[in-house]
Amino acid sequence: MYAIIKTGGKQLKVEAGQTIYVEKLDAKEGDKVTFDKVVFVGGDKTVIG
């Protein structure tokens, strides 16, 4: 399963447990963060919005 998220003015395709590098995020390296702007979720059942 994967998701498309919006962060720092960009859209990224991400998967659970993946490490990503983003700009303009108020967090320190190694912090766990939650992204609330999910545009698309793909897998067995696709969800948009």
C-alpha atoms as a PDB file:
ATOM      1  CA  MET A   1       0.000   0.000   0.000  1.00  0.00           C
ATOM      2  CA  TYR A   2       1.192   3.526  -0.715  1.00  0.00           C
ATOM      3  CA  ALA A   3      -0.069   7.088  -0.369  1.00  0.00           C
ATOM      4  CA  ILE A   4       0.451  10.427  -2.067  1.00  0.00           C
ATOM      5  CA  ILE A   5       0.942  13.179   0.532  1.00  0.00           C
ATOM      6  CA  LYS A   6       1.381  16.943   0.289  1.00  0.00           C
ATOM      7  CA  THR A   7       4.205  18.579   2.237  1.00  0.00           C
ATOM      8  CA  GLY A   8       6.404  21.609   1.658  1.00  0.00           C
ATOM      9  CA  GLY A   9       4.444  22.536  -1.472  1.00  0.00           C
ATOM     10  CA  LYS A  10       5.198  19.173  -3.104  1.00  0.00           C
ATOM     11  CA  GLN A  11       3.460  15.824  -3.504  1.00  0.00           C
ATOM     12  CA  LEU A  12       5.337  12.654  -2.559  1.00  0.00           C
ATOM     13  CA  LYS A  13       4.576   8.963  -3.031  1.00  0.00           C
ATOM     14  CA  VAL A  14       5.284   7.233   0.302  1.00  0.00           C
ATOM     15  CA  GLU A  15       4.967   3.792   1.890  1.00  0.00           C
ATOM     16  CA  ALA A  16       4.762   2.719   5.534  1.00  0.00           C
ATOM     17  CA  GLY A  17       8.162   2.658   7.228  1.00  0.00           C
ATOM     18  CA  GLN A  18       9.844   4.627   4.433  1.00  0.00           C
ATOM     19  CA  THR A  19      12.319   7.397   5.288  1.00  0.00           C
ATOM     20  CA  ILE A  20      11.688  10.598   3.331  1.00  0.00           C
ATOM     21  CA  TYR A  21      13.453  13.936   3.159  1.00  0.00           C
ATOM     22  CA  VAL A  22      11.263  17.042   2.971  1.00  0.00           C
ATOM     23  CA  GLU A  23      11.683  20.807   3.056  1.00  0.00           C
ATOM     24  CA  LYS A  24       9.943  23.337   5.287  1.00  0.00           C
ATOM     25  CA  LEU A  25       9.021  20.961   8.113  1.00  0.00           C
ATOM     26  CA  ASP A  26       9.178  22.077  11.745  1.00  0.00           C
ATOM     27  CA  ALA A  27      10.780  18.883  13.097  1.00  0.00           C
ATOM     28  CA  LYS A  28      14.230  17.598  13.906  1.00  0.00           C
ATOM     29  CA  GLU A  29      16.000  14.792  12.089  1.00  0.00           C
ATOM     30  CA  GLY A  30      14.812  11.449  13.458  1.00  0.00           C
ATOM     31  CA  ASP A  31      11.470  12.805  14.740  1.00  0.00           C
ATOM     32  CA  LYS A  32       8.332  10.902  13.778  1.00  0.00           C
ATOM     33  CA  VAL A  33       5.724  13.106  12.120  1.00  0.00           C
ATOM     34  CA  THR A  34       2.161  12.680  10.891  1.00  0.00           C
ATOM     35  CA  PHE A  35       1.085  14.043   7.518  1.00  0.00           C
ATOM     36  CA  ASP A  36      -2.574  15.082   7.466  1.00  0.00           C
ATOM     37  CA  LYS A  37      -2.737  16.145   3.805  1.00  0.00           C
ATOM     38  CA  VAL A  38      -3.214  12.771   2.113  1.00  0.00           C
ATOM     39  CA  VAL A  39      -4.255  13.150  -1.532  1.00  0.00           C
ATOM     40  CA  PHE A  40      -4.424   9.497  -2.600  1.00  0.00           C
ATOM     41  CA  VAL A  41      -4.162   6.025  -1.051  1.00  0.00           C
ATOM     42  CA  GLY A  42      -3.429   3.097  -3.362  1.00  0.00           C
ATOM     43  CA  GLY A  43      -3.426  -0.627  -2.771  1.00  0.00           C
ATOM     44  CA  ASP A  44      -6.157  -3.259  -2.936  1.00  0.00           C
ATOM     45  CA  LYS A  45      -8.751  -0.476  -2.689  1.00  0.00           C
ATOM     46  CA  THR A  46      -8.014   3.017  -4.058  1.00  0.00           C
ATOM     47  CA  VAL A  47      -9.138   6.095  -2.086  1.00  0.00           C
ATOM     48  CA  ILE A  48      -8.906   9.643  -3.469  1.00  0.00           C
ATOM     49  CA  GLY A  49      -9.160  12.798  -1.328  1.00  0.00           C
END
